[in-house]
Amino acid sequence: MPAEDVTNTEALLFGRFNPRGSRTVIQFQYGQTKKYGHVTPTYPEEEWFGYEVNVEEELAEELCTGTDYRFRVMARSKVGTAYGKDCTFKTRGRAKAHPGHCAQ
């Protein structure tokens, strides 16, 4: 699933997973490489049950301008950890030589 509402420093991430009826905790991994490097807080701070769940997470004012990012959803249950498809997006604006305090 794609990222939407991408600005210079923000993006809204979407993911889908199927907990297959098991208690499942989800998060998003994101960063500038396939190593990601950043993980969102547990979403939405509760456990999921059921089938075919769609989730979203807003990365607010954390991202570097003009930068390519990768992300994927991560679901953990007693069965193990599953990862969603690797997706990409690019923030708007011109990349800065010294980005300061943003997710790299």
N, C-alpha and C. Protein backbone atom coordinates (compact mmCIF):
# COMPACT_ATOMS: atom_id res chain seq x y z
N MET A 1 0.85 -1.17 0.00
CA MET A 1 0.00 0.00 0.00
C MET A 1 0.90 1.24 0.00
N PRO A 2 0.47 2.29 -0.59
CA PRO A 2 1.32 3.47 -0.76
C PRO A 2 1.30 4.39 0.46
N ALA A 3 2.22 5.35 0.44
CA ALA A 3 2.18 6.47 1.39
C ALA A 3 1.36 7.56 0.72
N GLU A 4 0.64 8.33 1.51
CA GLU A 4 -0.18 9.42 0.97
C GLU A 4 0.08 10.68 1.77
N ASP A 5 -0.46 11.79 1.29
CA ASP A 5 -0.34 13.08 1.96
C ASP A 5 1.12 13.38 2.31
N VAL A 6 2.02 13.10 1.38
CA VAL A 6 3.45 13.32 1.61
C VAL A 6 3.75 14.81 1.45
N THR A 7 4.42 15.38 2.46
CA THR A 7 4.84 16.78 2.44
C THR A 7 6.37 16.81 2.55
N ASN A 8 6.91 17.97 2.88
CA ASN A 8 8.36 18.08 3.07
C ASN A 8 8.87 17.22 4.22
N THR A 9 8.09 17.10 5.29
CA THR A 9 8.57 16.42 6.49
C THR A 9 7.58 15.40 7.06
N GLU A 10 6.49 15.13 6.37
CA GLU A 10 5.46 14.23 6.89
C GLU A 10 4.97 13.27 5.82
N ALA A 11 4.43 12.14 6.25
CA ALA A 11 3.80 11.19 5.33
C ALA A 11 2.81 10.34 6.12
N LEU A 12 1.80 9.88 5.44
CA LEU A 12 0.82 8.97 6.02
C LEU A 12 1.05 7.60 5.40
N LEU A 13 1.46 6.63 6.23
CA LEU A 13 1.77 5.29 5.76
C LEU A 13 0.56 4.39 5.89
N PHE A 14 0.39 3.49 4.93
CA PHE A 14 -0.71 2.53 4.97
C PHE A 14 -0.14 1.12 4.87
N GLY A 15 -0.80 0.20 5.54
CA GLY A 15 -0.39 -1.20 5.48
C GLY A 15 -1.61 -2.09 5.68
N ARG A 16 -1.46 -3.35 5.33
CA ARG A 16 -2.52 -4.33 5.47
C ARG A 16 -1.89 -5.61 5.98
N PHE A 17 -2.57 -6.28 6.89
CA PHE A 17 -2.08 -7.56 7.37
C PHE A 17 -3.25 -8.44 7.74
N ASN A 18 -3.00 -9.71 7.87
CA ASN A 18 -4.01 -10.67 8.24
C ASN A 18 -3.55 -11.41 9.48
N PRO A 19 -4.10 -11.07 10.66
CA PRO A 19 -3.67 -11.73 11.89
C PRO A 19 -4.19 -13.16 12.03
N ARG A 20 -5.02 -13.59 11.10
CA ARG A 20 -5.55 -14.96 11.09
C ARG A 20 -6.13 -15.36 12.43
N GLY A 21 -6.82 -14.41 13.05
CA GLY A 21 -7.50 -14.70 14.29
C GLY A 21 -6.63 -14.69 15.53
N SER A 22 -5.33 -14.41 15.39
CA SER A 22 -4.41 -14.40 16.52
C SER A 22 -4.20 -12.98 17.05
N ARG A 23 -3.88 -12.88 18.33
CA ARG A 23 -3.49 -11.58 18.89
C ARG A 23 -2.25 -11.12 18.14
N THR A 24 -2.28 -9.91 17.62
CA THR A 24 -1.18 -9.41 16.80
C THR A 24 -0.88 -7.96 17.16
N VAL A 25 0.39 -7.65 17.30
CA VAL A 25 0.84 -6.28 17.54
C VAL A 25 1.50 -5.80 16.26
N ILE A 26 1.16 -4.57 15.82
CA ILE A 26 1.74 -4.08 14.57
C ILE A 26 2.49 -2.77 14.75
N GLN A 27 3.47 -2.57 13.87
CA GLN A 27 4.24 -1.35 13.80
C GLN A 27 4.66 -1.15 12.35
N PHE A 28 5.16 0.04 12.03
CA PHE A 28 5.78 0.29 10.74
C PHE A 28 7.27 0.46 10.95
N GLN A 29 8.05 -0.10 10.03
CA GLN A 29 9.48 0.16 9.97
C GLN A 29 9.67 1.16 8.83
N TYR A 30 10.58 2.14 8.99
CA TYR A 30 10.84 3.09 7.91
C TYR A 30 12.26 3.62 8.01
N GLY A 31 12.75 4.12 6.90
CA GLY A 31 14.10 4.68 6.84
C GLY A 31 14.54 4.84 5.40
N GLN A 32 15.79 5.19 5.20
CA GLN A 32 16.29 5.48 3.86
C GLN A 32 16.88 4.26 3.16
N THR A 33 17.02 3.15 3.87
CA THR A 33 17.54 1.92 3.26
C THR A 33 16.65 0.75 3.66
N LYS A 34 16.95 -0.44 3.11
CA LYS A 34 16.18 -1.63 3.48
C LYS A 34 16.47 -2.09 4.90
N LYS A 35 17.43 -1.47 5.56
CA LYS A 35 17.65 -1.74 6.98
C LYS A 35 16.66 -0.94 7.82
N TYR A 36 15.96 -0.01 7.19
CA TYR A 36 14.94 0.86 7.78
C TYR A 36 15.54 1.74 8.89
N GLY A 37 15.79 1.23 10.07
CA GLY A 37 16.41 2.02 11.13
C GLY A 37 15.45 2.70 12.09
N HIS A 38 14.19 2.84 11.72
CA HIS A 38 13.20 3.49 12.59
C HIS A 38 11.96 2.60 12.68
N VAL A 39 11.33 2.62 13.85
CA VAL A 39 10.11 1.84 14.08
C VAL A 39 9.10 2.75 14.77
N THR A 40 7.87 2.72 14.30
CA THR A 40 6.82 3.51 14.93
C THR A 40 6.42 2.87 16.25
N PRO A 41 5.75 3.62 17.12
CA PRO A 41 5.21 3.01 18.33
C PRO A 41 4.21 1.92 17.95
N THR A 42 3.94 1.02 18.89
CA THR A 42 2.96 -0.03 18.64
C THR A 42 1.64 0.61 18.25
N TYR A 43 1.03 0.12 17.20
CA TYR A 43 -0.18 0.72 16.66
C TYR A 43 -1.36 -0.17 16.92
N PRO A 44 -2.45 0.34 17.36
CA PRO A 44 -2.65 1.60 18.08
C PRO A 44 -2.62 1.36 19.57
N GLU A 45 -1.53 0.79 20.04
CA GLU A 45 -1.31 0.48 21.44
C GLU A 45 -2.33 -0.51 21.96
N GLU A 46 -2.71 -1.43 21.12
CA GLU A 46 -3.58 -2.53 21.52
C GLU A 46 -3.30 -3.71 20.61
N GLU A 47 -3.83 -4.82 20.92
CA GLU A 47 -3.62 -6.01 20.11
C GLU A 47 -4.80 -6.21 19.17
N TRP A 48 -4.51 -6.73 18.00
CA TRP A 48 -5.54 -6.95 16.97
C TRP A 48 -5.97 -8.42 16.95
N PHE A 49 -7.22 -8.61 16.63
CA PHE A 49 -7.77 -9.93 16.35
C PHE A 49 -8.44 -9.83 14.99
N GLY A 50 -8.80 -10.95 14.39
CA GLY A 50 -9.62 -10.91 13.18
C GLY A 50 -8.85 -11.22 11.92
N TYR A 51 -9.40 -10.74 10.82
CA TYR A 51 -8.89 -11.06 9.50
C TYR A 51 -8.85 -9.80 8.65
N GLU A 52 -7.81 -9.69 7.81
CA GLU A 52 -7.67 -8.57 6.86
C GLU A 52 -7.88 -7.21 7.52
N VAL A 53 -6.86 -6.73 8.17
CA VAL A 53 -6.91 -5.45 8.87
C VAL A 53 -6.09 -4.43 8.10
N ASN A 54 -6.64 -3.23 7.88
CA ASN A 54 -5.92 -2.13 7.27
C ASN A 54 -5.50 -1.16 8.37
N VAL A 55 -4.27 -0.68 8.30
CA VAL A 55 -3.76 0.23 9.32
C VAL A 55 -3.08 1.43 8.66
N GLU A 56 -2.96 2.51 9.42
CA GLU A 56 -2.25 3.69 8.93
C GLU A 56 -1.48 4.32 10.08
N GLU A 57 -0.42 5.03 9.73
CA GLU A 57 0.42 5.70 10.72
C GLU A 57 0.93 7.00 10.13
N GLU A 58 0.79 8.09 10.87
CA GLU A 58 1.28 9.37 10.40
C GLU A 58 2.68 9.62 10.96
N LEU A 59 3.62 9.90 10.08
CA LEU A 59 4.95 10.31 10.48
C LEU A 59 4.94 11.84 10.40
N ALA A 60 4.83 12.48 11.54
CA ALA A 60 4.65 13.93 11.57
C ALA A 60 5.95 14.65 11.90
N GLU A 61 6.39 15.48 10.98
CA GLU A 61 7.56 16.35 11.16
C GLU A 61 8.80 15.59 11.61
N GLU A 62 8.99 14.38 11.11
CA GLU A 62 10.16 13.58 11.46
C GLU A 62 11.09 13.37 10.26
N LEU A 63 10.60 13.62 9.06
CA LEU A 63 11.31 13.23 7.86
C LEU A 63 12.17 14.36 7.29
N CYS A 64 13.20 14.00 6.55
CA CYS A 64 14.08 14.96 5.88
C CYS A 64 13.42 15.38 4.55
N THR A 65 13.58 16.63 4.17
CA THR A 65 13.00 17.10 2.91
C THR A 65 13.74 16.51 1.71
N GLY A 66 13.00 16.30 0.62
CA GLY A 66 13.59 15.83 -0.63
C GLY A 66 14.32 14.52 -0.52
N THR A 67 13.80 13.60 0.28
CA THR A 67 14.51 12.36 0.57
C THR A 67 13.66 11.14 0.25
N ASP A 68 14.31 10.12 -0.32
CA ASP A 68 13.64 8.84 -0.59
C ASP A 68 13.58 8.02 0.69
N TYR A 69 12.40 7.46 0.98
CA TYR A 69 12.20 6.60 2.14
C TYR A 69 11.60 5.27 1.72
N ARG A 70 11.83 4.29 2.56
CA ARG A 70 11.25 2.95 2.40
C ARG A 70 10.45 2.67 3.67
N PHE A 71 9.41 1.86 3.56
CA PHE A 71 8.67 1.46 4.75
C PHE A 71 7.97 0.13 4.51
N ARG A 72 7.61 -0.53 5.59
CA ARG A 72 6.81 -1.75 5.54
C ARG A 72 6.13 -1.93 6.89
N VAL A 73 5.01 -2.64 6.86
CA VAL A 73 4.31 -2.97 8.09
C VAL A 73 4.95 -4.23 8.68
N MET A 74 4.98 -4.31 10.01
CA MET A 74 5.54 -5.46 10.71
C MET A 74 4.48 -5.93 11.71
N ALA A 75 4.14 -7.22 11.64
CA ALA A 75 3.12 -7.79 12.53
C ALA A 75 3.74 -8.92 13.35
N ARG A 76 3.57 -8.85 14.68
CA ARG A 76 4.13 -9.88 15.56
C ARG A 76 3.01 -10.57 16.33
N SER A 77 3.09 -11.89 16.39
CA SER A 77 2.14 -12.68 17.17
C SER A 77 2.88 -13.85 17.79
N LYS A 78 2.15 -14.71 18.49
CA LYS A 78 2.80 -15.88 19.10
C LYS A 78 3.37 -16.82 18.04
N VAL A 79 2.88 -16.71 16.81
CA VAL A 79 3.37 -17.54 15.71
C VAL A 79 4.73 -17.05 15.21
N GLY A 80 4.98 -15.74 15.33
CA GLY A 80 6.23 -15.16 14.85
C GLY A 80 6.02 -13.75 14.34
N THR A 81 6.96 -13.28 13.55
CA THR A 81 6.91 -11.93 12.98
C THR A 81 6.78 -12.02 11.47
N ALA A 82 5.87 -11.23 10.92
CA ALA A 82 5.67 -11.18 9.46
C ALA A 82 5.88 -9.74 9.00
N TYR A 83 6.40 -9.58 7.79
CA TYR A 83 6.68 -8.27 7.24
C TYR A 83 5.89 -8.05 5.97
N GLY A 84 5.40 -6.83 5.79
CA GLY A 84 4.69 -6.47 4.57
C GLY A 84 5.66 -6.13 3.45
N LYS A 85 5.10 -5.78 2.33
CA LYS A 85 5.86 -5.42 1.14
C LYS A 85 6.67 -4.15 1.39
N ASP A 86 7.88 -4.12 0.86
CA ASP A 86 8.74 -2.94 0.93
C ASP A 86 8.17 -1.89 -0.02
N CYS A 87 7.83 -0.72 0.51
CA CYS A 87 7.25 0.37 -0.29
C CYS A 87 8.15 1.60 -0.20
N THR A 88 8.02 2.50 -1.15
CA THR A 88 8.86 3.70 -1.17
C THR A 88 8.01 4.96 -1.37
N PHE A 89 8.56 6.09 -0.93
CA PHE A 89 7.99 7.40 -1.23
C PHE A 89 9.12 8.42 -1.10
N LYS A 90 8.90 9.61 -1.63
CA LYS A 90 9.89 10.68 -1.54
C LYS A 90 9.22 11.91 -0.97
N THR A 91 9.85 12.50 0.04
CA THR A 91 9.32 13.74 0.60
C THR A 91 9.53 14.88 -0.38
N ARG A 92 8.72 15.88 -0.25
CA ARG A 92 8.79 17.03 -1.16
C ARG A 92 9.91 17.97 -0.75
N GLY A 93 10.22 18.88 -1.63
CA GLY A 93 11.23 19.89 -1.34
C GLY A 93 12.62 19.47 -1.79
N ARG A 94 13.56 20.34 -1.52
CA ARG A 94 14.95 20.11 -1.90
C ARG A 94 15.70 19.52 -0.72
N ALA A 95 16.47 18.48 -0.98
CA ALA A 95 17.28 17.85 0.07
C ALA A 95 18.30 18.84 0.59
N LYS A 96 18.52 18.81 1.91
CA LYS A 96 19.50 19.71 2.54
C LYS A 96 20.82 18.98 2.73
N ALA A 97 21.93 19.71 2.59
CA ALA A 97 23.25 19.14 2.78
C ALA A 97 23.44 18.67 4.23
N HIS A 98 22.89 19.41 5.18
CA HIS A 98 22.95 19.07 6.60
C HIS A 98 21.53 19.03 7.11
N PRO A 99 20.88 17.86 7.06
CA PRO A 99 19.45 17.76 7.33
C PRO A 99 19.03 18.05 8.77
N GLY A 100 19.94 18.07 9.72
CA GLY A 100 19.55 18.35 11.10
C GLY A 100 18.91 17.16 11.76
N HIS A 101 17.86 17.40 12.50
CA HIS A 101 17.23 16.35 13.30
C HIS A 101 16.02 15.75 12.56
N CYS A 102 16.30 14.93 11.60
CA CYS A 102 15.23 14.24 10.89
C CYS A 102 15.59 12.77 10.71
N ALA A 103 14.61 11.96 10.40
CA ALA A 103 14.81 10.51 10.28
C ALA A 103 15.65 10.21 9.06
N GLN A 104 16.82 9.63 9.28
CA GLN A 104 17.71 9.29 8.17
C GLN A 104 17.81 7.81 7.97
